[in-house]
């Protein structure tokens, strides 16, 4: 059994679709602090997830909704540029405009 604070990351590691949909739902509810915390919990393994091109639109929406540059970049890292299509233009522009830098507290423990 995973400790409660690791539950989201554990489920996210098992299913990137689930993680992105949960993050998008948290953002839609206005629960940005929770979404940001959960997104950061994915960092240790996220770049090693297999990119699923069909999840790119959701990942772009989440990245834009989080509005923290470092976290957005981490979520988009597994995706290849070749997965971008014209229909992603709006979400890509929104994600590219997220410019709030993370505070030291949001970055978490570096060690």
C-alpha atoms as a PDB file:
ATOM      1  CA  UNK A   1       0.000   0.000   0.000  1.00  0.00           C
ATOM      2  CA  UNK A   2       1.300   3.429  -0.983  1.00  0.00           C
ATOM      3  CA  UNK A   3       1.380   6.288   1.500  1.00  0.00           C
ATOM      4  CA  UNK A   4      -1.372   8.768   0.730  1.00  0.00           C
ATOM      5  CA  UNK A   5       1.091  11.405  -0.501  1.00  0.00           C
ATOM      6  CA  UNK A   6       2.491   8.920  -3.058  1.00  0.00           C
ATOM      7  CA  UNK A   7      -0.863   7.578  -4.257  1.00  0.00           C
ATOM      8  CA  UNK A   8      -1.226   9.961  -7.193  1.00  0.00           C
ATOM      9  CA  UNK A   9       2.330   9.370  -8.411  1.00  0.00           C
ATOM     10  CA  UNK A  10       1.936   5.607  -8.099  1.00  0.00           C
ATOM     11  CA  UNK A  11      -1.265   5.608 -10.147  1.00  0.00           C
ATOM     12  CA  UNK A  12       0.230   8.106 -12.583  1.00  0.00           C
ATOM     13  CA  UNK A  13       3.232   5.893 -13.178  1.00  0.00           C
ATOM     14  CA  UNK A  14       0.885   3.037 -13.990  1.00  0.00           C
ATOM     15  CA  UNK A  15      -1.247   5.137 -16.342  1.00  0.00           C
ATOM     16  CA  UNK A  16      -0.261   8.408 -17.968  1.00  0.00           C
ATOM     17  CA  UNK A  17      -3.758   8.843 -19.451  1.00  0.00           C
ATOM     18  CA  UNK A  18      -5.286   8.603 -15.985  1.00  0.00           C
ATOM     19  CA  UNK A  19      -2.784  11.104 -14.556  1.00  0.00           C
ATOM     20  CA  UNK A  20      -3.356  13.694 -17.281  1.00  0.00           C
ATOM     21  CA  UNK A  21      -7.138  13.377 -17.065  1.00  0.00           C
ATOM     22  CA  UNK A  22      -7.036  13.749 -13.282  1.00  0.00           C
ATOM     23  CA  UNK A  23      -4.823  16.815 -13.552  1.00  0.00           C
ATOM     24  CA  UNK A  24      -7.126  18.351 -16.151  1.00  0.00           C
ATOM     25  CA  UNK A  25     -10.137  17.697 -13.894  1.00  0.00           C
ATOM     26  CA  UNK A  26      -8.415  19.316 -10.898  1.00  0.00           C
ATOM     27  CA  UNK A  27      -7.588  22.375 -12.994  1.00  0.00           C
ATOM     28  CA  UNK A  28     -11.172  22.579 -14.263  1.00  0.00           C
ATOM     29  CA  UNK A  29     -12.423  22.514 -10.653  1.00  0.00           C
ATOM     30  CA  UNK A  30     -10.058  25.367  -9.832  1.00  0.00           C
ATOM     31  CA  UNK A  31      -7.920  23.235  -7.539  1.00  0.00           C
ATOM     32  CA  UNK A  32      -4.597  24.489  -8.935  1.00  0.00           C
ATOM     33  CA  UNK A  33      -2.516  23.868  -5.825  1.00  0.00           C
ATOM     34  CA  UNK A  34      -3.518  20.213  -5.789  1.00  0.00           C
ATOM     35  CA  UNK A  35      -2.978  19.875  -9.542  1.00  0.00           C
ATOM     36  CA  UNK A  36       0.471  21.460  -9.283  1.00  0.00           C
ATOM     37  CA  UNK A  37       1.459  19.224  -6.358  1.00  0.00           C
ATOM     38  CA  UNK A  38       0.246  16.125  -8.173  1.00  0.00           C
ATOM     39  CA  UNK A  39       1.956  17.111 -11.418  1.00  0.00           C
ATOM     40  CA  UNK A  40       5.265  17.665  -9.608  1.00  0.00           C
ATOM     41  CA  UNK A  41       4.951  14.218  -8.024  1.00  0.00           C
ATOM     42  CA  UNK A  42       5.228  12.724 -11.532  1.00  0.00           C
ATOM     43  CA  UNK A  43       8.643  14.279 -12.229  1.00  0.00           C
ATOM     44  CA  UNK A  44      10.864  11.374 -11.087  1.00  0.00           C
ATOM     45  CA  UNK A  45       9.553   9.043 -13.785  1.00  0.00           C
ATOM     46  CA  UNK A  46       7.486  11.091 -16.250  1.00  0.00           C
ATOM     47  CA  UNK A  47      10.215  11.642 -18.850  1.00  0.00           C
ATOM     48  CA  UNK A  48      10.567   7.861 -19.138  1.00  0.00           C
ATOM     49  CA  UNK A  49       6.900   7.273 -19.947  1.00  0.00           C
ATOM     50  CA  UNK A  50       6.048   6.145 -23.436  1.00  0.00           C
ATOM     51  CA  UNK A  51       4.635   9.096 -25.341  1.00  0.00           C
ATOM     52  CA  UNK A  52       1.127   8.469 -26.537  1.00  0.00           C
ATOM     53  CA  UNK A  53       0.375  10.936 -29.331  1.00  0.00           C
ATOM     54  CA  UNK A  54      -3.353  10.776 -28.594  1.00  0.00           C
ATOM     55  CA  UNK A  55      -2.613  12.300 -25.157  1.00  0.00           C
ATOM     56  CA  UNK A  56      -0.754  15.318 -26.503  1.00  0.00           C
ATOM     57  CA  UNK A  57      -3.832  17.572 -26.596  1.00  0.00           C
ATOM     58  CA  UNK A  58      -4.640  16.754 -22.959  1.00  0.00           C
ATOM     59  CA  UNK A  59      -0.997  17.224 -21.930  1.00  0.00           C
ATOM     60  CA  UNK A  60      -0.904  20.628 -23.625  1.00  0.00           C
ATOM     61  CA  UNK A  61      -4.126  21.676 -21.886  1.00  0.00           C
ATOM     62  CA  UNK A  62      -2.783  20.559 -18.513  1.00  0.00           C
ATOM     63  CA  UNK A  63       0.547  22.289 -19.101  1.00  0.00           C
ATOM     64  CA  UNK A  64      -1.251  25.549 -19.890  1.00  0.00           C
ATOM     65  CA  UNK A  65      -3.644  25.172 -16.969  1.00  0.00           C
ATOM     66  CA  UNK A  66      -0.875  24.607 -14.438  1.00  0.00           C
ATOM     67  CA  UNK A  67       0.762  27.855 -15.547  1.00  0.00           C
ATOM     68  CA  UNK A  68       4.176  26.918 -14.110  1.00  0.00           C
ATOM     69  CA  UNK A  69       6.886  26.790 -16.740  1.00  0.00           C
ATOM     70  CA  UNK A  70       9.050  24.038 -15.217  1.00  0.00           C
ATOM     71  CA  UNK A  71       6.144  21.705 -14.534  1.00  0.00           C
ATOM     72  CA  UNK A  72       4.628  22.301 -17.957  1.00  0.00           C
ATOM     73  CA  UNK A  73       7.951  21.498 -19.622  1.00  0.00           C
ATOM     74  CA  UNK A  74       8.282  18.302 -17.578  1.00  0.00           C
ATOM     75  CA  UNK A  75       4.808  17.112 -18.613  1.00  0.00           C
ATOM     76  CA  UNK A  76       5.501  17.769 -22.294  1.00  0.00           C
ATOM     77  CA  UNK A  77       8.992  16.257 -22.339  1.00  0.00           C
ATOM     78  CA  UNK A  78       8.003  12.712 -23.419  1.00  0.00           C
ATOM     79  CA  UNK A  79       6.182  13.964 -26.527  1.00  0.00           C
ATOM     80  CA  UNK A  80       7.948  14.264 -29.863  1.00  0.00           C
ATOM     81  CA  UNK A  81       7.645  17.363 -32.026  1.00  0.00           C
ATOM     82  CA  UNK A  82       6.425  15.137 -34.845  1.00  0.00           C
ATOM     83  CA  UNK A  83       3.263  14.420 -32.848  1.00  0.00           C
ATOM     84  CA  UNK A  84       2.144  18.032 -33.259  1.00  0.00           C
ATOM     85  CA  UNK A  85      -0.618  18.584 -35.765  1.00  0.00           C
ATOM     86  CA  UNK A  86      -2.505  21.714 -36.860  1.00  0.00           C
ATOM     87  CA  UNK A  87      -5.310  20.916 -34.410  1.00  0.00           C
ATOM     88  CA  UNK A  88      -2.826  21.306 -31.531  1.00  0.00           C
ATOM     89  CA  UNK A  89      -2.071  24.943 -32.409  1.00  0.00           C
ATOM     90  CA  UNK A  90      -4.411  26.522 -29.855  1.00  0.00           C
ATOM     91  CA  UNK A  91      -3.346  24.293 -26.980  1.00  0.00           C
ATOM     92  CA  UNK A  92       0.327  24.672 -27.935  1.00  0.00           C
ATOM     93  CA  UNK A  93       0.006  28.464 -27.939  1.00  0.00           C
ATOM     94  CA  UNK A  94      -1.656  28.376 -24.524  1.00  0.00           C
ATOM     95  CA  UNK A  95       1.043  26.094 -23.113  1.00  0.00           C
ATOM     96  CA  UNK A  96       3.796  28.249 -24.605  1.00  0.00           C
ATOM     97  CA  UNK A  97       2.347  31.348 -22.964  1.00  0.00           C
ATOM     98  CA  UNK A  98       2.360  29.888 -19.469  1.00  0.00           C
ATOM     99  CA  UNK A  99       5.098  31.954 -17.987  1.00  0.00           C
ATOM    100  CA  UNK A 100       4.812  31.907 -14.242  1.00  0.00           C
ATOM    101  CA  UNK A 101       8.066  30.671 -12.808  1.00  0.00           C
ATOM    102  CA  UNK A 102       7.847  28.230  -9.942  1.00  0.00           C
ATOM    103  CA  UNK A 103       8.685  29.495  -6.481  1.00  0.00           C
ATOM    104  CA  UNK A 104      11.275  27.687  -4.390  1.00  0.00           C
ATOM    105  CA  UNK A 105       8.509  26.020  -2.390  1.00  0.00           C
ATOM    106  CA  UNK A 106       6.819  24.725  -5.542  1.00  0.00           C
ATOM    107  CA  UNK A 107      10.023  23.216  -6.854  1.00  0.00           C
ATOM    108  CA  UNK A 108      10.227  20.927  -3.869  1.00  0.00           C
ATOM    109  CA  UNK A 109      13.278  19.372  -2.315  1.00  0.00           C
ATOM    110  CA  UNK A 110      16.171  19.269  -4.811  1.00  0.00           C
ATOM    111  CA  UNK A 111      17.876  16.369  -3.119  1.00  0.00           C
END
